[in-house]
N, C-alpha and C. Protein backbone atom coordinates (compact mmCIF):
# COMPACT_ATOMS: atom_id res chain seq x y z
N MET A 1 0.96 -1.32 0.38
CA MET A 1 0.08 0.04 0.24
C MET A 1 0.99 1.37 -0.17
N PRO A 2 0.63 1.84 -0.87
CA PRO A 2 1.37 3.15 -1.13
C PRO A 2 1.43 4.46 0.29
N THR A 3 2.36 4.87 1.11
CA THR A 3 2.05 5.65 1.96
C THR A 3 2.45 7.24 1.72
N ALA A 4 2.29 7.79 2.85
CA ALA A 4 1.99 9.32 2.35
C ALA A 4 3.05 9.94 1.40
N THR A 5 4.05 9.47 2.14
CA THR A 5 5.50 9.77 1.43
C THR A 5 5.57 9.74 -0.37
N ASP A 6 4.80 8.07 -0.95
CA ASP A 6 4.32 8.19 -2.09
C ASP A 6 3.53 8.93 -2.73
N ALA A 7 2.53 9.63 -2.19
CA ALA A 7 1.73 10.13 -2.94
C ALA A 7 2.30 11.44 -3.79
N GLY A 8 1.62 11.64 -5.20
CA GLY A 8 2.89 12.38 -5.93
C GLY A 8 3.89 11.75 -6.89
N LYS A 9 4.14 10.68 -5.97
CA LYS A 9 5.43 10.48 -6.67
C LYS A 9 4.78 9.38 -7.81
N PRO A 10 5.78 9.64 -9.13
CA PRO A 10 5.31 8.83 -10.65
C PRO A 10 5.42 7.26 -10.78
N GLU A 11 5.01 6.49 -11.05
CA GLU A 11 5.12 5.33 -11.02
C GLU A 11 6.47 5.23 -12.08
N ILE A 12 7.33 4.90 -11.48
CA ILE A 12 8.71 4.17 -12.65
C ILE A 12 8.61 2.77 -13.24
N ASN A 13 8.24 2.45 -14.33
CA ASN A 13 8.07 1.45 -14.80
C ASN A 13 9.52 1.01 -15.24
N SER A 14 10.40 2.13 -16.29
CA SER A 14 11.30 1.96 -17.29
C SER A 14 12.33 2.75 -17.18
N TRP A 15 13.50 2.15 -18.11
CA TRP A 15 14.22 3.50 -18.01
C TRP A 15 13.83 4.76 -19.07
N THR A 16 13.94 6.08 -18.83
CA THR A 16 13.67 6.78 -19.58
C THR A 16 14.41 7.79 -19.63
N LEU A 17 14.33 9.13 -19.97
CA LEU A 17 15.13 10.17 -19.66
C LEU A 17 14.36 10.97 -18.67
N ASP A 18 13.07 11.20 -19.03
CA ASP A 18 12.45 11.49 -17.86
C ASP A 18 12.29 11.52 -16.54
N ALA A 19 12.38 10.00 -16.63
CA ALA A 19 12.78 9.00 -15.00
C ALA A 19 13.88 9.48 -14.70
N LEU A 20 15.30 9.38 -15.33
CA LEU A 20 16.60 10.01 -14.75
C LEU A 20 16.52 11.32 -14.35
N LYS A 21 15.83 12.41 -15.25
CA LYS A 21 15.60 13.43 -14.41
C LYS A 21 14.97 13.57 -13.10
N LEU A 22 14.31 12.44 -12.84
CA LEU A 22 13.69 12.79 -11.24
C LEU A 22 14.53 12.65 -9.99
N LEU A 23 15.49 11.71 -10.46
CA LEU A 23 16.69 11.34 -9.63
C LEU A 23 17.43 12.42 -8.67
N GLU A 24 17.16 12.40 -7.98
CA GLU A 24 18.23 13.66 -7.16
C GLU A 24 19.64 13.42 -7.17
N TRP A 25 20.67 14.02 -6.64
CA TRP A 25 22.33 14.21 -7.00
C TRP A 25 22.58 12.86 -6.68
N LYS A 26 22.36 12.47 -5.30
CA LYS A 26 23.29 11.68 -4.81
C LYS A 26 22.74 9.81 -5.18
N ARG A 27 21.20 9.86 -5.33
CA ARG A 27 20.88 8.71 -5.92
C ARG A 27 21.35 8.95 -7.75
N PHE A 28 21.20 9.95 -8.15
CA PHE A 28 21.96 9.86 -9.44
C PHE A 28 23.32 9.29 -9.27
N GLU A 29 24.19 9.48 -8.56
CA GLU A 29 25.63 8.98 -8.21
C GLU A 29 25.57 7.60 -7.94
N LEU A 30 24.55 7.40 -7.11
CA LEU A 30 24.47 5.72 -6.57
C LEU A 30 24.36 4.83 -7.74
N LEU A 31 23.52 5.38 -8.96
CA LEU A 31 23.18 4.52 -10.19
C LEU A 31 24.17 4.46 -10.68
N CYS A 32 25.16 5.51 -11.07
CA CYS A 32 26.32 5.29 -11.42
C CYS A 32 26.98 4.29 -10.70
N VAL A 33 26.62 4.01 -10.05
CA VAL A 33 28.01 2.77 -8.88
C VAL A 33 27.50 1.84 -9.69
N ARG A 34 25.94 1.38 -8.97
CA ARG A 34 25.31 0.35 -9.28
C ARG A 34 25.47 -0.05 -10.90
N TYR A 35 25.27 1.10 -11.86
CA TYR A 35 25.69 0.34 -13.59
C TYR A 35 26.93 -0.33 -13.04
N TYR A 36 27.90 0.37 -13.01
CA TYR A 36 29.35 -0.21 -13.02
C TYR A 36 29.69 -1.26 -12.23
N GLU A 37 29.44 -1.79 -11.28
CA GLU A 37 29.19 -2.79 -10.26
C GLU A 37 28.45 -3.63 -11.35
N ALA A 38 26.85 -3.59 -11.77
CA ALA A 38 26.22 -4.29 -12.89
C ALA A 38 27.14 -5.08 -14.08
N MET A 39 28.00 -3.78 -14.70
CA MET A 39 28.96 -4.30 -15.59
C MET A 39 30.14 -4.81 -15.07
N GLY A 40 30.25 -5.52 -13.99
CA GLY A 40 31.57 -6.65 -12.83
C GLY A 40 32.89 -5.50 -12.55
N PHE A 41 32.28 -4.26 -12.23
CA PHE A 41 33.96 -3.43 -12.08
C PHE A 41 33.40 -3.75 -10.26
N THR A 42 34.66 -3.44 -9.92
CA THR A 42 34.70 -3.07 -8.19
C THR A 42 34.82 -1.63 -8.43
N VAL A 43 34.05 -0.84 -7.31
CA VAL A 43 33.82 0.14 -7.23
C VAL A 43 33.95 1.19 -5.96
N LYS A 44 35.16 1.88 -6.03
CA LYS A 44 35.52 2.84 -4.98
C LYS A 44 34.56 4.51 -4.90
N THR A 45 34.11 4.59 -3.71
CA THR A 45 33.33 6.00 -3.75
C THR A 45 33.90 6.68 -2.37
N VAL A 46 33.02 8.57 -2.29
CA VAL A 46 33.72 9.07 -1.40
C VAL A 46 31.89 9.02 -0.78
N PRO A 47 31.47 8.22 0.35
CA PRO A 47 30.46 8.48 0.75
C PRO A 47 29.56 10.06 0.73
N HIS A 48 30.09 10.99 1.20
CA HIS A 48 30.23 12.44 1.76
C HIS A 48 30.88 13.75 1.39
N GLY A 49 30.97 14.68 1.50
CA GLY A 49 31.63 15.69 1.92
C GLY A 49 32.63 15.45 0.47
N PRO A 50 33.80 16.19 0.56
CA PRO A 50 34.50 16.73 -0.76
C PRO A 50 35.00 14.98 -1.41
N ASP A 51 34.70 15.37 -2.53
CA ASP A 51 34.73 13.99 -3.39
C ASP A 51 36.39 14.14 -4.15
N GLY A 52 37.28 15.02 -4.64
CA GLY A 52 38.27 15.13 -4.61
C GLY A 52 37.97 15.39 -6.17
N GLY A 53 36.84 15.90 -6.89
CA GLY A 53 36.85 15.84 -8.34
C GLY A 53 36.18 14.21 -9.11
N ILE A 54 35.75 13.16 -8.44
CA ILE A 54 35.57 12.18 -8.92
C ILE A 54 34.72 11.48 -7.63
N ASP A 55 33.38 10.99 -8.54
CA ASP A 55 32.77 10.09 -7.58
C ASP A 55 32.61 8.93 -7.83
N ALA A 56 33.13 7.89 -7.98
CA ALA A 56 33.71 7.22 -8.68
C ALA A 56 35.10 6.14 -8.98
N THR A 57 35.92 5.43 -8.58
CA THR A 57 37.09 4.69 -8.77
C THR A 57 36.72 3.73 -9.47
N LEU A 58 36.86 3.18 -10.99
CA LEU A 58 36.64 1.75 -11.24
C LEU A 58 37.93 0.78 -11.07
N TYR A 59 37.79 -0.80 -10.63
CA TYR A 59 38.77 -1.29 -10.85
C TYR A 59 38.14 -2.65 -11.21
N LYS A 60 39.45 -3.39 -12.30
CA LYS A 60 38.65 -4.87 -12.71
C LYS A 60 39.44 -6.00 -11.54
N ALA A 61 38.53 -6.88 -11.47
CA ALA A 61 38.49 -7.94 -10.62
C ALA A 61 40.50 -8.25 -10.70
N GLY A 62 40.64 -8.50 -9.54
CA GLY A 62 41.93 -9.29 -9.77
C GLY A 62 43.24 -8.21 -9.72
N ILE A 63 43.03 -6.92 -10.13
CA ILE A 63 43.85 -5.62 -10.53
C ILE A 63 43.40 -4.27 -9.99
N ALA A 64 44.74 -4.18 -8.83
CA ALA A 64 45.01 -3.39 -7.54
C ALA A 64 44.47 -2.07 -7.88
N THR A 65 45.30 -1.68 -9.05
CA THR A 65 45.35 -0.50 -9.79
C THR A 65 43.86 -0.33 -10.48
N PRO A 66 43.24 1.07 -10.37
CA PRO A 66 42.33 1.58 -11.06
C PRO A 66 42.52 1.58 -12.29
N VAL A 67 41.33 1.43 -13.00
CA VAL A 67 41.40 1.88 -14.92
C VAL A 67 40.65 2.61 -15.20
N ALA A 68 39.53 3.16 -14.21
CA ALA A 68 39.19 4.59 -14.70
C ALA A 68 39.17 4.95 -13.28
N VAL A 69 38.72 6.97 -13.81
CA VAL A 69 37.78 7.60 -12.52
C VAL A 69 36.55 7.90 -13.73
N VAL A 70 35.42 8.71 -12.39
CA VAL A 70 34.05 9.08 -13.11
C VAL A 70 33.57 9.68 -12.32
N GLN A 71 33.28 10.88 -12.93
CA GLN A 71 32.93 12.00 -12.55
C GLN A 71 30.84 12.27 -12.63
N CYS A 72 30.36 12.67 -11.59
CA CYS A 72 28.57 12.86 -12.20
C CYS A 72 28.47 14.03 -11.73
N LYS A 73 27.42 14.52 -12.67
CA LYS A 73 26.62 16.08 -12.32
C LYS A 73 25.25 15.65 -13.04
N ALA A 74 24.38 15.89 -11.71
CA ALA A 74 22.76 15.86 -12.29
C ALA A 74 22.75 16.95 -11.93
N TRP A 75 23.37 17.89 -12.87
CA TRP A 75 22.30 19.41 -13.02
C TRP A 75 21.83 19.63 -13.85
N ASN A 76 21.01 20.96 -13.93
CA ASN A 76 20.06 21.19 -14.61
C ASN A 76 20.04 22.11 -15.94
N ARG A 77 21.62 21.98 -15.79
CA ARG A 77 22.53 22.77 -17.34
C ARG A 77 23.65 21.93 -17.40
N PRO A 78 24.03 22.10 -18.73
CA PRO A 78 24.90 21.65 -19.23
C PRO A 78 26.17 21.94 -18.66
N VAL A 79 27.31 20.85 -18.35
CA VAL A 79 28.05 20.71 -18.01
C VAL A 79 29.21 21.37 -19.14
N LYS A 80 30.02 22.34 -18.59
CA LYS A 80 31.17 22.94 -19.19
C LYS A 80 32.52 22.45 -19.04
N VAL A 81 33.37 23.02 -19.84
CA VAL A 81 34.67 22.38 -20.26
C VAL A 81 35.83 22.78 -18.86
N GLU A 82 35.26 23.53 -18.32
CA GLU A 82 35.98 23.61 -17.05
C GLU A 82 35.95 22.40 -15.94
N GLN A 83 34.46 21.82 -15.94
CA GLN A 83 34.66 20.39 -15.28
C GLN A 83 35.27 19.52 -16.07
N VAL A 84 35.33 19.36 -17.14
CA VAL A 84 35.54 18.11 -17.72
C VAL A 84 37.47 18.66 -17.40
N ARG A 85 37.77 19.74 -17.48
CA ARG A 85 39.20 19.72 -17.01
C ARG A 85 39.73 19.20 -15.92
N ALA A 86 38.88 19.47 -14.91
CA ALA A 86 39.49 19.02 -13.84
C ALA A 86 39.10 17.38 -13.66
N LEU A 87 38.35 17.05 -14.58
CA LEU A 87 38.44 15.52 -14.46
C LEU A 87 40.05 15.05 -14.80
N ALA A 88 40.13 16.40 -15.55
CA ALA A 88 41.37 15.14 -16.63
C ALA A 88 42.51 15.58 -15.70
N GLY A 89 42.65 16.60 -14.52
CA GLY A 89 43.52 16.91 -13.80
C GLY A 89 43.52 15.84 -13.02
N VAL A 90 42.44 14.74 -12.12
CA VAL A 90 42.49 14.06 -11.76
C VAL A 90 42.99 12.55 -12.09
N MET A 91 42.49 12.77 -13.30
CA MET A 91 43.33 11.54 -14.19
C MET A 91 44.83 11.52 -14.23
N HIS A 92 45.25 12.66 -14.73
CA HIS A 92 46.49 12.82 -14.54
C HIS A 92 47.38 12.68 -12.93
N GLU A 93 46.80 13.16 -12.42
CA GLU A 93 47.29 12.89 -11.08
C GLU A 93 47.55 11.45 -10.88
N HIS A 94 46.35 10.75 -10.81
CA HIS A 94 46.43 9.36 -10.48
C HIS A 94 47.01 8.31 -11.46
N LYS A 95 47.85 9.16 -12.63
CA LYS A 95 48.17 8.96 -13.68
C LYS A 95 47.11 7.88 -14.80
N LEU A 96 46.05 8.01 -15.02
CA LEU A 96 44.90 7.07 -15.44
C LEU A 96 44.85 7.97 -16.86
N ARG A 97 44.66 6.88 -18.18
CA ARG A 97 44.22 7.32 -18.78
C ARG A 97 42.78 7.15 -19.72
N ARG A 98 41.76 6.97 -18.59
CA ARG A 98 40.62 6.92 -19.03
C ARG A 98 39.89 7.65 -18.01
N GLY A 99 38.55 8.22 -18.26
CA GLY A 99 37.56 8.61 -17.36
C GLY A 99 36.50 8.73 -17.79
N VAL A 100 35.61 8.88 -17.34
CA VAL A 100 34.03 8.95 -17.39
C VAL A 100 33.27 10.06 -17.33
N PHE A 101 32.52 11.06 -17.69
CA PHE A 101 31.55 11.87 -17.31
C PHE A 101 30.28 11.98 -17.69
N TRP A 102 29.57 11.46 -16.37
CA TRP A 102 28.29 11.23 -16.26
C TRP A 102 27.23 13.50 -16.11
N SER A 103 26.68 13.00 -16.94
CA SER A 103 25.89 14.27 -17.15
C SER A 103 24.42 14.39 -16.95
N ARG A 104 23.71 14.66 -16.66
CA ARG A 104 22.21 14.20 -17.11
C ARG A 104 21.94 15.53 -17.64
N SER A 105 22.11 16.55 -17.96
CA SER A 105 21.77 17.78 -18.91
C SER A 105 22.96 17.61 -19.93
N GLY A 106 23.81 17.04 -20.46
CA GLY A 106 24.81 17.46 -21.65
C GLY A 106 25.76 18.23 -21.17
N TYR A 107 26.53 18.75 -22.59
CA TYR A 107 27.50 19.45 -22.34
C TYR A 107 27.66 20.40 -23.15
N LEU A 108 28.21 21.45 -22.89
CA LEU A 108 27.90 22.83 -24.00
C LEU A 108 29.22 22.95 -24.56
N GLY A 109 28.89 22.84 -25.83
CA GLY A 109 30.01 23.51 -27.30
C GLY A 109 30.80 22.11 -27.08
N ARG A 110 31.17 22.63 -28.41
CA ARG A 110 32.00 21.85 -29.27
C ARG A 110 33.31 22.21 -28.29
N PRO A 111 34.14 22.52 -27.49
CA PRO A 111 35.15 22.60 -26.71
C PRO A 111 35.22 21.76 -25.93
N VAL A 112 34.47 20.79 -25.38
CA VAL A 112 34.04 20.13 -24.40
C VAL A 112 34.21 19.08 -24.82
N ARG A 113 33.59 18.44 -26.03
CA ARG A 113 33.99 17.39 -26.69
C ARG A 113 35.08 17.06 -27.24
N ASP A 114 35.82 18.27 -27.66
CA ASP A 114 37.21 18.07 -28.46
C ASP A 114 38.19 17.86 -27.21
N PHE A 115 37.85 18.28 -26.27
CA PHE A 115 39.04 18.37 -24.74
C PHE A 115 38.63 16.55 -24.34
N ALA A 116 37.77 16.45 -24.47
CA ALA A 116 37.33 15.37 -24.04
C ALA A 116 37.72 14.00 -24.41
N GLU A 117 37.96 14.32 -25.83
CA GLU A 117 38.24 13.36 -26.64
C GLU A 117 39.58 13.35 -26.90
N ARG A 118 40.79 14.31 -26.60
CA ARG A 118 41.84 14.49 -26.65
C ARG A 118 42.46 13.99 -25.18
N VAL A 119 41.78 13.91 -24.06
CA VAL A 119 42.22 13.49 -22.79
C VAL A 119 42.18 12.01 -22.43
N GLY A 120 41.20 11.48 -23.29
CA GLY A 120 40.40 9.74 -22.80
C GLY A 120 39.18 10.26 -22.04
N ILE A 121 38.45 11.04 -21.93
CA ILE A 121 37.07 11.04 -21.11
C ILE A 121 36.04 10.99 -22.03
N LEU A 122 35.33 9.60 -21.38
CA LEU A 122 34.28 9.58 -22.43
C LEU A 122 33.32 10.02 -21.70
N LEU A 123 32.36 11.22 -23.00
CA LEU A 123 31.33 12.09 -21.94
C LEU A 123 29.70 11.12 -22.50
N LEU A 124 29.17 11.44 -21.03
CA LEU A 124 27.68 10.49 -21.29
C LEU A 124 26.56 11.38 -20.96
N ASP A 125 25.64 11.66 -21.69
CA ASP A 125 24.77 12.83 -21.47
C ASP A 125 23.76 11.91 -21.04
N GLY A 126 22.62 12.42 -20.90
CA GLY A 126 21.59 11.20 -20.14
C GLY A 126 20.76 10.41 -21.13
N GLU A 127 20.62 10.99 -22.42
CA GLU A 127 20.18 9.80 -22.91
C GLU A 127 21.12 8.68 -23.47
N ASP A 128 22.45 9.09 -23.58
CA ASP A 128 23.71 7.93 -23.59
C ASP A 128 22.98 6.97 -22.38
N ILE A 129 23.36 7.89 -20.77
CA ILE A 129 23.43 6.93 -20.03
C ILE A 129 21.90 6.28 -19.99
N VAL A 130 20.33 6.65 -20.40
CA VAL A 130 19.44 5.44 -20.27
C VAL A 130 19.93 4.55 -21.47
N GLU A 131 20.45 4.91 -22.78
CA GLU A 131 20.90 3.53 -23.70
C GLU A 131 21.35 2.62 -23.37
N ARG A 132 22.51 2.95 -22.60
CA ARG A 132 23.86 1.91 -21.68
C ARG A 132 23.03 1.41 -20.92
N ILE A 133 22.31 1.85 -20.12
CA ILE A 133 21.38 0.99 -18.88
C ILE A 133 20.62 0.12 -19.86
N ARG A 134 19.91 0.59 -21.02
CA ARG A 134 18.62 -0.16 -21.59
C ARG A 134 19.61 -1.72 -21.95
N ALA A 135 20.98 -1.25 -22.80
CA ALA A 135 21.53 -2.42 -23.08
C ALA A 135 21.59 -3.54 -22.46
N LEU A 136 21.33 -3.59 -21.08
CA LEU A 136 21.92 -4.62 -19.97
C LEU A 136 20.61 -5.62 -19.96
N ASP A 137 20.95 -6.66 -20.04
CA ASP A 137 19.73 -7.91 -19.43
C ASP A 137 18.99 -6.91 -18.53
N GLN A 138 17.69 -8.23 -18.90
CA GLN A 138 16.29 -7.52 -18.09
C GLN A 138 16.81 -7.50 -17.02
N TYR A 139 17.21 -8.13 -16.24
CA TYR A 139 17.43 -8.49 -14.57
C TYR A 139 17.76 -7.20 -14.34
N LYS A 140 19.26 -6.55 -15.05
CA LYS A 140 20.17 -5.76 -14.21
C LYS A 140 19.68 -4.52 -14.45
N GLN A 141 18.60 -4.37 -15.56
CA GLN A 141 17.83 -3.45 -15.74
C GLN A 141 16.52 -2.93 -14.43
N GLU A 142 16.46 -4.17 -14.43
CA GLU A 142 14.83 -3.99 -13.09
C GLU A 142 15.70 -3.86 -11.90
N MET A 143 17.24 -4.39 -11.79
CA MET A 143 17.43 -4.32 -10.57
C MET A 143 17.73 -2.70 -9.88
N LEU A 144 18.20 -2.16 -10.98
CA LEU A 144 18.75 -0.90 -11.25
C LEU A 144 17.65 0.20 -11.05
N LEU A 145 16.81 -0.27 -11.60
CA LEU A 145 15.35 0.58 -11.57
C LEU A 145 15.00 0.52 -9.97
N ALA A 146 14.76 -0.91 -9.64
CA ALA A 146 14.27 -0.81 -8.09
C ALA A 146 15.28 0.14 -7.04
N GLN A 147 16.45 -0.10 -7.30
CA GLN A 147 17.48 0.68 -6.25
C GLN A 147 17.19 2.20 -6.43
N ALA A 148 17.38 2.48 -7.82
CA ALA A 148 17.22 3.87 -8.16
C ALA A 148 16.07 4.71 -7.37
N PHE A 149 14.94 4.11 -7.60
CA PHE A 149 13.58 4.46 -7.47
C PHE A 149 12.83 4.49 -6.00
N LYS A 150 13.45 3.19 -5.46
CA LYS A 150 13.59 2.85 -3.69
C LYS A 150 13.20 4.20 -3.00
N GLY A 151 12.08 4.27 -2.10
CA GLY A 151 12.19 4.95 -1.12
C GLY A 151 12.42 6.70 -1.84
N ASP A 152 12.79 8.14 -0.90
CA ASP A 152 12.80 8.92 -1.62
C ASP A 152 13.69 9.48 -2.44
N TYR A 153 13.21 9.29 -3.48
CA TYR A 153 15.02 9.54 -4.58
C TYR A 153 14.63 11.03 -5.17
N ARG A 154 13.71 11.58 -4.65
CA ARG A 154 13.78 13.33 -5.22
C ARG A 154 14.00 14.50 -4.32
N THR A 155 13.96 14.00 -3.05
CA THR A 155 14.81 15.02 -1.91
C THR A 155 16.12 14.84 -1.82
N PRO A 156 16.44 16.07 -2.39
CA PRO A 156 18.32 16.08 -2.28
C PRO A 156 19.25 15.59 -0.58
N THR A 157 19.93 14.82 -1.24
CA THR A 157 20.86 15.07 -0.07
C THR A 157 21.58 16.05 0.25
N CYS A 158 22.66 16.18 1.78
CA CYS A 158 23.18 17.05 2.23
C CYS A 158 24.57 16.60 1.24
N VAL A 159 25.30 17.43 0.82
CA VAL A 159 26.54 17.20 0.50
C VAL A 159 27.32 16.73 2.00
N ALA A 160 27.51 18.04 2.83
CA ALA A 160 28.35 18.08 3.94
C ALA A 160 27.72 16.30 4.94
N CYS A 161 26.34 16.20 5.14
CA CYS A 161 26.46 15.16 5.98
C CYS A 161 25.97 14.04 5.18
N GLY A 162 25.51 13.84 4.57
CA GLY A 162 24.78 12.79 3.89
C GLY A 162 23.32 12.45 3.95
N VAL A 163 22.37 13.22 4.86
CA VAL A 163 21.24 13.09 5.37
C VAL A 163 20.32 13.63 3.94
N LYS A 164 18.92 13.68 4.09
CA LYS A 164 18.32 14.34 3.38
C LYS A 164 17.94 15.58 3.72
N MET A 165 17.49 16.48 3.23
CA MET A 165 17.62 17.80 3.42
C MET A 165 16.38 18.15 3.58
N VAL A 166 15.70 19.27 4.00
CA VAL A 166 14.21 19.54 4.13
C VAL A 166 14.24 20.76 3.73
N GLU A 167 12.69 20.74 3.47
CA GLU A 167 12.60 22.06 2.79
C GLU A 167 12.30 23.57 3.62
N ARG A 168 12.87 24.67 2.95
CA ARG A 168 12.78 25.65 4.55
C ARG A 168 12.32 26.71 3.61
N GLN A 169 11.69 27.86 4.14
CA GLN A 169 11.05 29.00 3.53
C GLN A 169 12.28 30.17 4.53
N SER A 170 12.62 31.15 3.40
CA SER A 170 13.33 32.77 3.35
C SER A 170 12.48 33.50 2.97
N LYS A 171 12.44 34.67 3.38
CA LYS A 171 12.38 35.84 1.97
C LYS A 171 12.35 36.01 1.22
N ASN A 172 13.47 35.11 0.75
CA ASN A 172 13.77 35.12 -0.63
C ASN A 172 13.08 33.97 -1.45
N GLY A 173 12.37 32.97 -0.46
CA GLY A 173 11.49 31.87 -1.08
C GLY A 173 11.49 30.79 -0.03
N PRO A 174 11.36 29.54 -1.27
CA PRO A 174 11.55 28.16 -0.52
C PRO A 174 13.09 27.24 -1.01
N PHE A 175 13.90 26.91 -0.11
CA PHE A 175 14.96 26.42 -0.37
C PHE A 175 15.18 25.03 0.10
N TRP A 176 16.00 24.34 -0.16
CA TRP A 176 16.32 23.32 0.49
C TRP A 176 17.26 22.94 1.73
N GLY A 177 17.19 23.01 3.27
CA GLY A 177 18.32 23.24 4.40
C GLY A 177 18.43 21.61 4.71
N CYS A 178 20.15 21.67 5.34
CA CYS A 178 20.31 20.18 6.17
C CYS A 178 19.29 20.05 7.38
N ALA A 179 18.70 19.08 6.99
CA ALA A 179 18.14 18.71 8.38
C ALA A 179 18.91 18.79 9.69
N ASN A 180 20.27 18.58 9.80
CA ASN A 180 21.45 18.83 10.82
C ASN A 180 21.41 20.43 10.98
N TYR A 181 20.89 21.59 10.97
CA TYR A 181 21.17 22.98 11.15
C TYR A 181 20.47 22.87 12.51
N PRO A 182 21.44 23.31 13.21
CA PRO A 182 22.28 24.43 13.03
C PRO A 182 23.69 24.50 13.03
N SER A 183 23.87 23.14 13.21
CA SER A 183 25.57 22.47 12.97
C SER A 183 25.82 22.44 11.93
N CYS A 184 25.11 22.49 10.30
CA CYS A 184 25.24 21.98 9.30
C CYS A 184 24.41 23.03 8.72
N ARG A 185 25.06 23.72 7.69
CA ARG A 185 24.07 24.86 7.36
C ARG A 185 24.36 24.94 5.72
N THR A 186 24.35 23.65 5.45
CA THR A 186 24.80 23.43 3.36
C THR A 186 22.93 23.65 3.18
N THR A 187 23.00 24.35 2.14
CA THR A 187 21.78 24.78 1.45
C THR A 187 21.80 24.19 0.10
N LEU A 188 20.32 24.35 -1.24
CA LEU A 188 20.34 24.33 -2.07
C LEU A 188 19.11 24.60 -2.80
N PRO A 189 19.18 25.38 -3.71
CA PRO A 189 18.30 26.13 -4.26
C PRO A 189 16.48 25.08 -4.01
N ARG A 190 15.70 25.66 -4.17
CA ARG A 190 14.31 24.89 -3.77
C ARG A 190 14.78 24.39 -5.32
N ALA A 191 14.74 24.91 -6.72
CA ALA A 191 14.60 24.11 -7.69
C ALA A 191 15.54 23.11 -8.45
N ALA A 192 16.70 22.68 -7.22
CA ALA A 192 17.83 21.82 -7.57
C ALA A 192 17.13 20.61 -7.41
């Protein structure tokens, strides 16, 4: 039986770009991690707080050194070349030749794609991500769908604490604030 917290949530039965856009930023990152695990990688992540420019480090079974790093942006605007350059810097620092950038809203302009191609970064936008998930066998697709859309997948997670944020009101309008306020003062615009 649906609960009060389920009211108003659309029922998600398949992988679409619209479904992907419903995921808050942390759930989007977790989808990325689960996708690579379904592909057979061992994945290491940073639970919350500063991520050092990467959201996931990919390892092949039996190999101690990483094979690639991944950055995820669940933004509502396209990623610019600066963010892709930052991932390239992390790759250089870790002596890796492969990186993957997940951006739900795509990339801004040809310079981003040209730069990514030169340095070995695979750019995936929302449609690419959905296409890759749909290429998995049915069981893995359903498993990812169940994990991604279980519970509260829309309320943003606090980047500092890792807890769900709460809606707050100010003279400038609604915003998301950390549930741990006043010890944590992290906020996000309500539209995020």
